[in-house]
Amino acid sequence: MQHNVLILDFGSQYTQLIARRVRELNIFCEIFPYNHFPDDLSSYKAVILSGSPFSTRADDAPHPDLSQIRGKMPLLAVCYGAQYLAHFNGGEVGASSTREYGRANLSFIKEDEAFFADVPMNSQVWMSHSDTIKKLPTGAVKLASTHDVENAAYKIEGETTYAIQFHPEVYHSTDGKKMLENFLVKIAQVPQNFTPNAFVDEIVAELKEKIGNDKVVLGLSGGVDSTVAAVLLNKAIGDNLYCIFVNNGLLRKKEFENVLHQYKDMGLNVKGVDAGDRFLGQLEGISDPETKRKTIGRVFIEVFDDEAHLLTDVKWLAQGTIYPDVIESVSVKGPSATIKSHHNVGGLPDFMKLKIVEPLRMLFKDEVRRVGKTLGIDPELLGRHPFPGPGLSIRILGDITKEKVRILQEVDAVFIDGLKSWGLYDKVWQAGAILLPVDSVGVMGDERTYEKVVALRAVESTDGMTADWVHLPYEFLMKVSNDIINKVKGVNRVVYDISSKPPATIEWE
């Protein structure tokens, strides 16, 4: 894989957005923690320093050694990065009289400056900092100001080192992408050759070389990531790929049969394993969300291992790991706080002596879909909403029983089918229903009932890192609510979740 651009992460919430904007320019980039970046920088053509929640004046502020980067390769320092270069190189960073957060407009732009080529005066930028650069570092020239920020951008003379106090990566910086393009393409002259077609050609060649004639086993989930990984591997090694699709009893209604049917015409070697009773038996009486996840992970590995042992001479395990999983697993200050266990990042138990191959580990979700389109995968399959690895277990709050699974499968089917029939499915990033551990009083006919409450959840997002609830039409919500209560025995109340991520998460557990 061509490295091209290195992004050093200082813990900013926007670091992944920088990577996304760079890749939108068809330029490949990688994110590394500021305190653990590659020793060999020879393959990189430019470096970007991210923002940070830290103050450069704090005792515990990130303080990397940039001696192999500064003055030797093009460098763009964003927000904290700009303050860092100033603070430790003869400049001065101090507390701002007011916290500079939100929209601002460029009131001064230095003439004939390549970084701001085709960026108009008064261009809107997004500020997010409490410190400000009061004095530029040694050798620096001011490039731009806003009404409140004198030193909004600067460069170091004699170097290709640029620094900006604002965030070009966020949507609110209207010409931010143009600035990144100016820096990377015009100034750093990074090639724009990271396209789906180029990725497929390169990764298939890599897989052929890495795997050779070895056999590979892959756990299919029916989702976009594992499907694209399977088709890529199939393109590289053909019949030496063995796919196993395990029904854990917690899939959507009829999903096991439907997914197997979809794979039938794709030329993949797929075996379906119905192990629903085994999973549900092991989950009996367990209410804690993390314990549920770990139990499902353990049983999956046991089932998968049983099936893998039926094959001979398998050397590799393939996984549909994507880049956000990788980034979250290796963060700035060690592994990030465990919000939930990832189901496909991490080591295998010792008894599974297989090497790991992850063909998608450098791609974001939308990039996976574009690669899938290049591979000719059915658009309906590529358009499937993400579905959690532990399945409906984390959408059933509390312990799990067959009856609760039945109720939630029926509710989910009404909701998802409704989204499709109303033409709303493709406008939603992810949707599902949650079965709450609440009995609600209701009236059906002339009788009082005490039955379950379900919450419907639909969010819009690009990669799942942040998400907002979808403003579904009231008429649709009314119809779906009526259908659920009338058709699903055991439910008498429906609510709609209107919380965003953050502060909430997409799933409830």
Protein backbone atom coordinates (compact mmCIF):
# COMPACT_ATOMS: atom_id res chain seq x y z
CA MET A 1 0.00 0.00 0.00
CA GLN A 2 1.32 3.45 -0.90
CA HIS A 3 1.75 5.44 2.32
CA ASN A 4 1.85 8.99 0.90
CA VAL A 5 0.51 11.00 3.88
CA LEU A 6 1.14 10.45 7.59
CA ILE A 7 -1.30 11.99 10.10
CA LEU A 8 0.01 12.24 13.65
CA ASP A 9 -2.86 12.08 16.13
CA PHE A 10 -2.68 14.21 19.27
CA GLY A 11 -6.08 13.00 20.47
CA SER A 12 -8.37 15.33 18.53
CA GLN A 13 -11.99 14.35 17.98
CA TYR A 14 -11.49 15.50 14.37
CA THR A 15 -8.44 13.37 13.44
CA GLN A 16 -10.45 10.83 11.47
CA LEU A 17 -12.11 13.68 9.60
CA ILE A 18 -8.68 14.85 8.42
CA ALA A 19 -8.05 11.37 7.02
CA ARG A 20 -11.44 11.29 5.33
CA ARG A 21 -10.88 14.66 3.64
CA VAL A 22 -7.43 13.61 2.45
CA ARG A 23 -8.80 10.38 0.99
CA GLU A 24 -11.58 12.31 -0.75
CA LEU A 25 -8.74 13.84 -2.73
CA ASN A 26 -7.76 10.30 -3.85
CA ILE A 27 -4.68 10.45 -1.64
CA PHE A 28 -3.91 7.56 0.67
CA CYS A 29 -3.12 8.45 4.29
CA GLU A 30 -2.61 6.73 7.62
CA ILE A 31 -3.17 7.81 11.21
CA PHE A 32 -0.58 7.07 13.87
CA PRO A 33 -0.41 8.18 17.52
CA TYR A 34 2.01 11.10 17.97
CA ASN A 35 3.99 8.98 20.44
CA HIS A 36 4.24 5.88 18.26
CA PHE A 37 4.76 6.85 14.64
CA PRO A 38 6.82 4.85 12.10
CA ASP A 39 10.61 4.85 12.38
CA ASP A 40 10.95 4.74 8.60
CA LEU A 41 9.37 7.84 7.05
CA SER A 42 10.95 7.42 3.61
CA SER A 43 7.72 6.34 1.90
CA TYR A 44 5.70 9.33 3.15
CA LYS A 45 5.42 12.48 1.06
CA ALA A 46 3.80 14.76 3.64
CA VAL A 47 2.87 14.88 7.34
CA ILE A 48 -0.15 16.46 9.06
CA LEU A 49 -0.29 17.19 12.81
CA SER A 50 -3.80 16.97 14.27
CA GLY A 51 -5.50 19.09 16.90
CA SER A 52 -5.69 18.00 20.53
CA PRO A 53 -7.71 18.49 23.73
CA PHE A 54 -4.40 19.36 25.46
CA SER A 55 -2.85 22.79 25.96
CA THR A 56 0.75 23.15 24.84
CA ARG A 57 1.37 24.91 28.15
CA ALA A 58 0.29 21.92 30.24
CA ASP A 59 2.90 19.67 31.89
CA ASP A 60 1.42 16.57 30.26
CA ALA A 61 1.09 18.09 26.77
CA PRO A 62 2.11 15.83 23.86
CA HIS A 63 5.73 16.60 22.99
CA PRO A 64 6.95 14.45 20.06
CA ASP A 65 10.36 14.62 18.45
CA LEU A 66 9.77 16.04 14.96
CA SER A 67 13.45 16.27 14.01
CA GLN A 68 13.00 13.68 11.24
CA ILE A 69 10.06 15.61 9.79
CA ARG A 70 10.45 19.39 10.15
CA GLY A 71 12.34 20.94 7.29
CA LYS A 72 12.83 17.55 5.65
CA MET A 73 9.34 16.97 4.27
CA PRO A 74 6.16 19.01 3.79
CA LEU A 75 4.41 19.52 7.14
CA LEU A 76 0.96 20.92 7.93
CA ALA A 77 0.21 21.65 11.60
CA VAL A 78 -3.48 21.98 12.51
CA CYS A 79 -4.74 23.77 15.65
CA TYR A 80 -2.74 22.17 18.51
CA GLY A 81 -0.04 21.35 15.96
CA ALA A 82 0.23 25.05 15.04
CA GLN A 83 0.46 26.02 18.72
CA TYR A 84 2.98 23.27 19.36
CA LEU A 85 5.33 24.53 16.62
CA ALA A 86 5.05 28.06 17.98
CA HIS A 87 5.42 27.22 21.68
CA PHE A 88 8.58 25.13 21.31
CA ASN A 89 10.27 27.16 18.57
CA GLY A 90 10.63 30.71 19.80
CA GLY A 91 6.96 31.73 19.66
CA GLU A 92 4.47 32.34 22.42
CA VAL A 93 1.17 30.58 23.18
CA GLY A 94 -1.12 31.96 25.86
CA ALA A 95 -4.66 31.70 27.08
CA SER A 96 -7.13 33.52 24.88
CA SER A 97 -9.27 36.20 26.51
CA THR A 98 -12.30 34.33 25.17
CA ARG A 99 -12.56 30.69 24.14
CA GLU A 100 -12.34 30.70 20.35
CA TYR A 101 -14.87 28.11 19.29
CA GLY A 102 -17.13 27.98 16.25
CA ARG A 103 -17.40 29.86 12.98
CA ALA A 104 -14.97 32.64 12.03
CA ASN A 105 -14.07 34.36 8.76
CA LEU A 106 -10.68 35.09 7.24
CA SER A 107 -10.20 38.86 7.35
CA PHE A 108 -6.63 38.81 5.99
CA ILE A 109 -4.95 36.44 3.49
CA LYS A 110 -1.37 37.00 2.32
CA GLU A 111 -1.25 37.65 -1.42
CA ASP A 112 0.11 35.06 -3.85
CA GLU A 113 0.28 32.35 -1.20
CA ALA A 114 -0.10 28.84 -2.66
CA PHE A 115 -1.79 27.46 0.47
CA PHE A 116 -4.72 29.88 0.01
CA ALA A 117 -4.93 29.72 -3.80
CA ASP A 118 -8.58 30.08 -4.90
CA VAL A 119 -9.71 30.67 -1.29
CA PRO A 120 -11.72 33.92 -1.15
CA MET A 121 -11.45 36.63 1.47
CA ASN A 122 -14.01 36.17 4.29
CA SER A 123 -13.94 32.40 3.77
CA GLN A 124 -15.55 30.72 6.76
CA VAL A 125 -13.34 28.55 9.00
CA TRP A 126 -14.00 26.57 12.18
CA MET A 127 -12.12 27.41 15.37
CA SER A 128 -11.87 25.10 18.40
CA HIS A 129 -9.30 26.20 20.96
CA SER A 130 -8.88 28.05 24.26
CA ASP A 131 -5.19 29.00 23.76
CA THR A 132 -4.01 31.37 21.06
CA ILE A 133 -0.69 32.04 19.29
CA LYS A 134 0.47 35.43 20.63
CA LYS A 135 3.87 35.42 18.93
CA LEU A 136 4.88 33.44 15.83
CA PRO A 137 7.81 31.00 16.02
CA THR A 138 11.27 31.91 14.73
CA GLY A 139 11.34 32.31 10.94
CA ALA A 140 7.55 32.37 10.58
CA VAL A 141 5.50 34.57 8.26
CA LYS A 142 1.82 35.29 8.93
CA LEU A 143 -0.45 33.99 6.16
CA ALA A 144 -3.97 34.68 7.46
CA SER A 145 -5.99 36.28 10.25
CA THR A 146 -9.60 36.38 11.43
CA HIS A 147 -11.28 39.21 13.29
CA ASP A 148 -10.38 37.64 16.68
CA VAL A 149 -7.29 35.59 15.79
CA GLU A 150 -4.28 37.54 14.53
CA ASN A 151 -2.13 34.49 13.77
CA ALA A 152 -4.69 32.18 12.16
CA ALA A 153 -2.14 30.74 9.70
CA TYR A 154 1.60 30.95 9.14
CA LYS A 155 4.49 29.27 7.35
CA ILE A 156 8.16 28.82 8.22
CA GLU A 157 10.45 30.43 5.66
CA GLY A 158 12.99 28.08 4.11
CA GLU A 159 10.78 25.05 4.86
CA THR A 160 7.57 23.58 3.49
CA THR A 161 6.09 23.90 6.99
CA TYR A 162 2.60 25.39 7.26
CA ALA A 163 0.45 25.90 10.33
CA ILE A 164 -3.21 26.86 10.76
CA GLN A 165 -5.12 27.64 13.93
CA PHE A 166 -8.48 26.47 12.51
CA HIS A 167 -9.79 23.06 11.39
CA PRO A 168 -9.95 22.69 7.58
CA GLU A 169 -11.31 19.15 7.89
CA VAL A 170 -14.72 20.03 9.35
CA TYR A 171 -17.74 20.77 7.20
CA HIS A 172 -18.04 24.33 8.58
CA SER A 173 -14.69 25.34 7.05
CA THR A 174 -16.18 26.02 3.64
CA ASP A 175 -12.88 26.04 1.72
CA GLY A 176 -11.05 23.64 4.02
CA LYS A 177 -10.86 20.86 1.47
CA LYS A 178 -9.41 23.30 -1.06
CA MET A 179 -6.70 24.30 1.44
CA LEU A 180 -5.83 20.65 2.02
CA GLU A 181 -5.70 20.12 -1.73
CA ASN A 182 -3.44 23.16 -2.14
CA PHE A 183 -1.06 21.86 0.52
CA LEU A 184 -1.00 18.21 -0.55
CA VAL A 185 -1.20 18.53 -4.35
CA LYS A 186 0.32 21.93 -5.20
CA ILE A 187 2.86 22.30 -2.40
CA ALA A 188 3.75 18.71 -1.38
CA GLN A 189 3.03 17.26 -4.86
CA VAL A 190 1.46 14.09 -3.48
CA PRO A 191 0.02 11.90 -6.27
CA GLN A 192 -3.78 11.49 -6.36
CA ASN A 193 -3.79 7.79 -7.20
CA PHE A 194 -5.82 6.22 -4.37
CA THR A 195 -8.95 5.02 -6.21
CA PRO A 196 -11.17 1.94 -5.76
CA ASN A 197 -9.79 0.37 -8.95
CA ALA A 198 -6.20 1.00 -7.88
CA PHE A 199 -6.93 -0.41 -4.42
CA VAL A 200 -8.43 -3.60 -5.85
CA ASP A 201 -5.47 -4.18 -8.19
CA GLU A 202 -2.93 -3.50 -5.45
CA ILE A 203 -4.60 -5.51 -2.67
CA VAL A 204 -5.30 -8.52 -4.92
CA ALA A 205 -1.63 -8.59 -5.93
CA GLU A 206 -0.61 -8.31 -2.24
CA LEU A 207 -2.97 -11.12 -1.22
CA LYS A 208 -1.66 -13.41 -3.96
CA GLU A 209 1.91 -12.81 -2.84
CA LYS A 210 1.17 -13.11 0.89
CA ILE A 211 -1.10 -16.17 0.81
CA GLY A 212 0.23 -18.09 -2.17
CA ASN A 213 -1.46 -21.50 -2.37
CA ASP A 214 -2.48 -21.57 1.31
CA LYS A 215 -6.08 -22.10 2.38
CA VAL A 216 -8.01 -19.28 4.07
CA VAL A 217 -11.13 -19.49 6.23
CA LEU A 218 -13.43 -16.48 6.60
CA GLY A 219 -16.39 -15.93 8.91
CA LEU A 220 -19.09 -14.26 6.83
CA SER A 221 -21.66 -12.13 8.64
CA GLY A 222 -23.82 -11.12 5.69
CA GLY A 223 -22.68 -7.53 6.13
CA VAL A 224 -20.85 -5.25 3.73
CA ASP A 225 -17.35 -5.61 5.22
CA SER A 226 -17.11 -9.39 5.34
CA THR A 227 -18.76 -9.70 1.91
CA VAL A 228 -16.32 -7.31 0.22
CA ALA A 229 -13.41 -9.01 2.01
CA ALA A 230 -14.64 -12.38 0.72
CA VAL A 231 -14.97 -11.20 -2.90
CA LEU A 232 -11.48 -9.63 -2.79
CA LEU A 233 -9.98 -12.83 -1.42
CA ASN A 234 -11.91 -14.93 -3.92
CA LYS A 235 -10.48 -12.77 -6.71
CA ALA A 236 -6.97 -13.39 -5.35
CA ILE A 237 -7.02 -17.06 -4.31
CA GLY A 238 -10.24 -18.55 -5.74
CA ASP A 239 -11.22 -21.98 -4.38
CA ASN A 240 -8.68 -21.77 -1.55
CA LEU A 241 -11.11 -19.46 0.28
CA TYR A 242 -13.60 -21.23 2.57
CA CYS A 243 -16.43 -19.06 3.96
CA ILE A 244 -18.46 -20.01 7.04
CA PHE A 245 -21.71 -18.21 7.87
CA VAL A 246 -22.81 -18.93 11.44
CA ASN A 247 -26.38 -18.38 12.60
CA ASN A 248 -26.08 -17.35 16.25
CA GLY A 249 -29.84 -17.29 16.70
CA LEU A 250 -29.68 -13.50 17.05
CA LEU A 251 -29.91 -12.48 13.41
CA ARG A 252 -32.81 -10.63 11.84
CA LYS A 253 -35.95 -12.53 10.86
CA LYS A 254 -35.12 -15.07 8.11
CA GLU A 255 -31.69 -13.47 7.65
CA PHE A 256 -29.80 -16.77 7.76
CA GLU A 257 -31.73 -18.17 4.79
CA ASN A 258 -31.83 -14.87 2.89
CA VAL A 259 -28.09 -14.20 3.16
CA LEU A 260 -27.17 -17.72 2.08
CA HIS A 261 -29.44 -17.26 -0.92
CA GLN A 262 -27.71 -13.95 -1.79
CA TYR A 263 -24.28 -15.57 -1.69
CA LYS A 264 -25.42 -18.44 -3.90
CA ASP A 265 -24.84 -16.53 -7.15
CA MET A 266 -21.56 -14.84 -6.17
CA GLY A 267 -19.22 -17.73 -6.85
CA LEU A 268 -18.19 -17.99 -3.20
CA ASN A 269 -17.58 -21.25 -1.37
CA VAL A 270 -19.98 -20.73 1.58
CA LYS A 271 -21.14 -23.13 4.29
CA GLY A 272 -24.06 -22.18 6.54
CA VAL A 273 -23.97 -23.40 10.16
CA ASP A 274 -27.15 -23.10 12.23
CA ALA A 275 -25.97 -22.88 15.84
CA GLY A 276 -28.76 -20.72 17.27
CA ASP A 277 -29.71 -23.11 20.09
CA ARG A 278 -26.07 -23.41 21.19
CA PHE A 279 -25.69 -19.62 21.50
CA LEU A 280 -29.03 -19.06 23.24
CA GLY A 281 -28.27 -21.86 25.69
CA GLN A 282 -24.98 -20.24 26.68
CA LEU A 283 -26.63 -16.81 27.04
CA GLU A 284 -29.36 -17.99 29.37
CA GLY A 285 -29.63 -15.79 32.47
CA ILE A 286 -26.95 -13.28 31.35
CA SER A 287 -27.96 -9.61 31.49
CA ASP A 288 -24.67 -7.68 31.54
CA PRO A 289 -23.97 -6.26 28.02
CA GLU A 290 -20.21 -6.87 28.05
CA THR A 291 -20.70 -10.43 29.35
CA LYS A 292 -23.21 -11.03 26.55
CA ARG A 293 -20.71 -9.82 23.97
CA LYS A 294 -17.90 -11.94 25.38
CA THR A 295 -20.11 -15.01 25.62
CA ILE A 296 -21.19 -14.65 21.99
CA GLY A 297 -17.56 -14.10 20.95
CA ARG A 298 -16.44 -17.21 22.85
CA VAL A 299 -19.20 -19.43 21.46
CA PHE A 300 -18.62 -18.09 17.95
CA ILE A 301 -14.94 -19.02 18.18
CA GLU A 302 -15.88 -22.50 19.45
CA VAL A 303 -18.36 -23.06 16.60
CA PHE A 304 -16.01 -21.55 14.05
CA ASP A 305 -13.13 -23.67 15.33
CA ASP A 306 -15.25 -26.83 15.10
CA GLU A 307 -16.03 -26.02 11.47
CA ALA A 308 -12.48 -24.96 10.62
CA HIS A 309 -11.16 -28.29 11.93
CA LEU A 310 -13.32 -30.06 9.36
CA LEU A 311 -11.11 -28.41 6.74
CA THR A 312 -7.55 -29.58 6.22
CA ASP A 313 -4.39 -27.48 6.08
CA VAL A 314 -6.02 -24.08 6.65
CA LYS A 315 -3.28 -21.53 7.37
CA TRP A 316 -5.10 -18.18 7.47
CA LEU A 317 -8.11 -16.58 9.11
CA ALA A 318 -9.59 -13.67 7.14
CA GLN A 319 -11.51 -10.89 8.89
CA GLY A 320 -13.52 -7.91 7.68
CA THR A 321 -11.75 -5.45 9.98
CA ILE A 322 -11.97 -1.85 8.75
CA TYR A 323 -9.90 1.23 9.56
CA PRO A 324 -12.03 2.79 12.36
CA ASP A 325 -11.66 -0.51 14.29
CA VAL A 326 -7.88 -0.33 13.87
CA ILE A 327 -7.67 3.32 14.93
CA GLU A 328 -9.87 2.82 18.00
CA SER A 329 -7.81 -0.18 19.07
CA VAL A 330 -4.50 1.74 19.00
CA SER A 331 -5.15 5.25 20.24
CA VAL A 332 -2.98 8.11 21.44
CA LYS A 333 -2.78 7.01 25.07
CA GLY A 334 -2.82 3.25 24.55
CA PRO A 335 -6.03 1.37 23.69
CA SER A 336 -9.00 3.72 23.85
CA ALA A 337 -11.57 3.46 26.62
CA THR A 338 -13.69 0.37 26.18
CA ILE A 339 -17.12 1.58 25.14
CA LYS A 340 -17.80 -1.90 23.79
CA SER A 341 -15.71 -4.86 22.69
CA HIS A 342 -14.95 -4.97 18.99
CA HIS A 343 -15.96 -8.30 17.54
CA ASN A 344 -13.23 -8.55 14.93
CA VAL A 345 -10.12 -6.76 16.23
CA GLY A 346 -7.73 -8.52 18.56
CA GLY A 347 -5.94 -11.80 18.93
CA LEU A 348 -7.26 -15.29 18.46
CA PRO A 349 -7.18 -17.79 21.30
CA ASP A 350 -4.00 -19.86 21.38
CA PHE A 351 -5.75 -23.02 20.18
CA MET A 352 -6.51 -21.42 16.80
CA LYS A 353 -3.07 -21.43 15.22
CA LEU A 354 -3.97 -19.34 12.20
CA LYS A 355 -2.36 -16.27 10.69
CA ILE A 356 -4.58 -13.22 10.22
CA VAL A 357 -5.36 -11.54 6.91
CA GLU A 358 -7.46 -8.36 6.88
CA PRO A 359 -7.78 -7.00 3.32
CA LEU A 360 -9.94 -4.01 4.35
CA ARG A 361 -8.09 -2.88 7.46
CA MET A 362 -7.02 0.42 5.84
CA LEU A 363 -10.45 1.44 4.50
CA PHE A 364 -13.33 3.46 5.95
CA LYS A 365 -16.86 2.07 5.56
CA ASP A 366 -17.81 4.27 2.59
CA GLU A 367 -14.55 3.30 0.87
CA VAL A 368 -15.42 -0.38 1.41
CA ARG A 369 -18.72 0.23 -0.38
CA ARG A 370 -16.95 1.94 -3.30
CA VAL A 371 -14.54 -0.99 -3.61
CA GLY A 372 -17.51 -3.37 -3.51
CA LYS A 373 -19.13 -1.43 -6.35
CA THR A 374 -15.90 -1.71 -8.36
CA LEU A 375 -16.00 -5.49 -7.75
CA GLY A 376 -19.54 -5.67 -9.14
CA ILE A 377 -21.25 -6.68 -5.88
CA ASP A 378 -25.06 -6.34 -5.85
CA PRO A 379 -25.98 -2.74 -4.82
CA GLU A 380 -28.69 -4.10 -2.49
CA LEU A 381 -26.07 -6.04 -0.54
CA LEU A 382 -23.66 -3.09 -0.49
CA GLY A 383 -26.44 -0.83 0.74
CA ARG A 384 -27.22 -2.99 3.77
CA HIS A 385 -27.21 -1.16 7.07
CA PRO A 386 -24.48 -2.08 9.55
CA PHE A 387 -25.57 -4.75 12.03
CA PRO A 388 -23.81 -5.40 15.35
CA GLY A 389 -21.62 -8.50 15.61
CA PRO A 390 -23.46 -9.73 18.74
CA GLY A 391 -26.72 -9.34 16.82
CA LEU A 392 -30.00 -8.75 18.60
CA SER A 393 -28.50 -9.69 21.97
CA ILE A 394 -27.46 -6.09 22.56
CA ARG A 395 -30.85 -4.83 21.41
CA ILE A 396 -32.57 -6.93 24.05
CA LEU A 397 -31.87 -5.08 27.28
CA GLY A 398 -31.52 -7.59 30.09
CA ASP A 399 -31.48 -11.37 29.78
CA ILE A 400 -32.21 -13.19 26.53
CA THR A 401 -34.90 -15.76 25.87
CA LYS A 402 -36.25 -17.33 22.69
CA GLU A 403 -39.52 -15.46 23.17
CA LYS A 404 -37.76 -12.10 23.45
CA VAL A 405 -35.76 -12.86 20.31
CA ARG A 406 -38.99 -13.76 18.49
CA ILE A 407 -40.66 -10.51 19.56
CA LEU A 408 -37.70 -8.36 18.53
CA GLN A 409 -37.26 -10.15 15.19
CA GLU A 410 -40.91 -9.48 14.36
CA VAL A 411 -40.71 -5.82 15.42
CA ASP A 412 -37.45 -5.31 13.52
CA ALA A 413 -38.94 -6.85 10.38
CA VAL A 414 -41.94 -4.50 10.47
CA PHE A 415 -39.64 -1.49 10.95
CA ILE A 416 -37.05 -2.38 8.29
CA ASP A 417 -39.65 -3.51 5.74
CA GLY A 418 -41.51 -0.25 6.39
CA LEU A 419 -38.39 1.82 5.73
CA LYS A 420 -37.91 0.00 2.44
CA SER A 421 -41.52 0.29 1.28
CA TRP A 422 -41.60 4.02 2.10
CA GLY A 423 -38.32 4.63 0.21
CA LEU A 424 -36.52 5.63 3.41
CA TYR A 425 -34.07 2.74 3.85
CA ASP A 426 -31.24 4.20 1.74
CA LYS A 427 -31.57 7.58 3.51
CA VAL A 428 -30.70 5.94 6.84
CA TRP A 429 -27.21 4.82 7.92
CA GLN A 430 -28.43 2.28 10.47
CA ALA A 431 -31.81 1.33 11.88
CA GLY A 432 -33.15 -1.20 14.32
CA ALA A 433 -35.44 -1.84 17.25
CA ILE A 434 -34.61 -2.26 20.93
CA LEU A 435 -36.65 -4.40 23.32
CA LEU A 436 -36.84 -2.64 26.66
CA PRO A 437 -37.05 -4.45 30.04
CA VAL A 438 -40.27 -2.60 30.76
CA ASP A 439 -43.87 -3.80 30.94
CA SER A 440 -46.26 -1.02 29.99
CA VAL A 441 -49.95 -0.78 30.71
CA GLY A 442 -52.18 -0.68 27.66
CA VAL A 443 -55.73 -1.32 26.53
CA MET A 444 -56.57 -3.75 23.72
CA GLY A 445 -60.26 -4.21 23.06
CA ASP A 446 -61.88 -4.01 26.48
CA GLU A 447 -58.94 -5.58 28.30
CA ARG A 448 -56.05 -3.98 30.15
CA THR A 449 -52.67 -5.36 29.06
CA TYR A 450 -49.15 -5.38 30.49
CA GLU A 451 -46.80 -5.94 27.57
CA LYS A 452 -43.38 -4.92 26.28
CA VAL A 453 -42.12 -1.52 25.14
CA VAL A 454 -39.92 -1.27 22.05
CA ALA A 455 -37.77 1.68 20.97
CA LEU A 456 -37.10 2.37 17.31
CA ARG A 457 -33.70 3.81 16.34
CA ALA A 458 -32.68 5.32 12.98
CA VAL A 459 -29.52 7.38 12.53
CA GLU A 460 -27.68 9.15 9.72
CA SER A 461 -23.90 9.02 9.61
CA THR A 462 -20.91 8.63 7.30
CA ASP A 463 -18.82 6.11 9.21
CA GLY A 464 -20.60 5.52 12.51
CA MET A 465 -18.09 7.57 14.53
CA THR A 466 -20.68 10.31 14.98
CA ALA A 467 -24.39 10.03 14.20
CA ASP A 468 -27.60 12.04 14.34
CA TRP A 469 -31.15 10.75 14.64
CA VAL A 470 -33.19 10.77 11.45
CA HIS A 471 -36.28 12.96 11.22
CA LEU A 472 -38.57 10.22 9.93
CA PRO A 473 -42.03 11.42 8.77
CA TYR A 474 -44.68 11.38 11.50
CA GLU A 475 -47.01 9.52 9.14
CA PHE A 476 -44.42 6.76 8.75
CA LEU A 477 -43.81 6.48 12.49
CA MET A 478 -47.56 6.35 13.12
CA LYS A 479 -48.04 3.56 10.53
CA VAL A 480 -45.07 1.51 11.80
CA SER A 481 -46.16 1.91 15.43
CA ASN A 482 -49.68 0.74 14.61
CA ASP A 483 -48.37 -2.21 12.59
CA ILE A 484 -46.03 -3.31 15.37
CA ILE A 485 -48.68 -3.14 18.09
CA ASN A 486 -51.30 -4.85 15.92
CA LYS A 487 -49.08 -7.56 14.43
CA VAL A 488 -46.51 -8.41 17.11
CA LYS A 489 -47.94 -10.25 20.08
CA GLY A 490 -46.32 -9.08 23.31
CA VAL A 491 -45.81 -5.38 22.44
CA ASN A 492 -48.22 -2.58 23.32
CA ARG A 493 -46.07 0.55 23.20
CA VAL A 494 -43.57 2.00 20.68
CA VAL A 495 -41.19 4.94 21.27
CA TYR A 496 -38.66 6.64 18.95
CA ASP A 497 -35.10 7.41 20.07
CA ILE A 498 -34.08 11.00 19.22
CA SER A 499 -30.60 11.08 20.81
CA SER A 500 -27.40 11.70 18.83
CA LYS A 501 -23.90 10.20 19.04
CA PRO A 502 -22.26 11.67 21.05
CA PRO A 503 -23.40 11.82 23.81
CA ALA A 504 -25.40 8.62 23.21
CA THR A 505 -24.15 5.64 21.17
CA ILE A 506 -25.99 4.12 18.22
CA GLU A 507 -26.72 0.89 20.06
CA TRP A 508 -28.22 0.93 23.55
CA GLU A 509 -25.76 -1.62 24.98
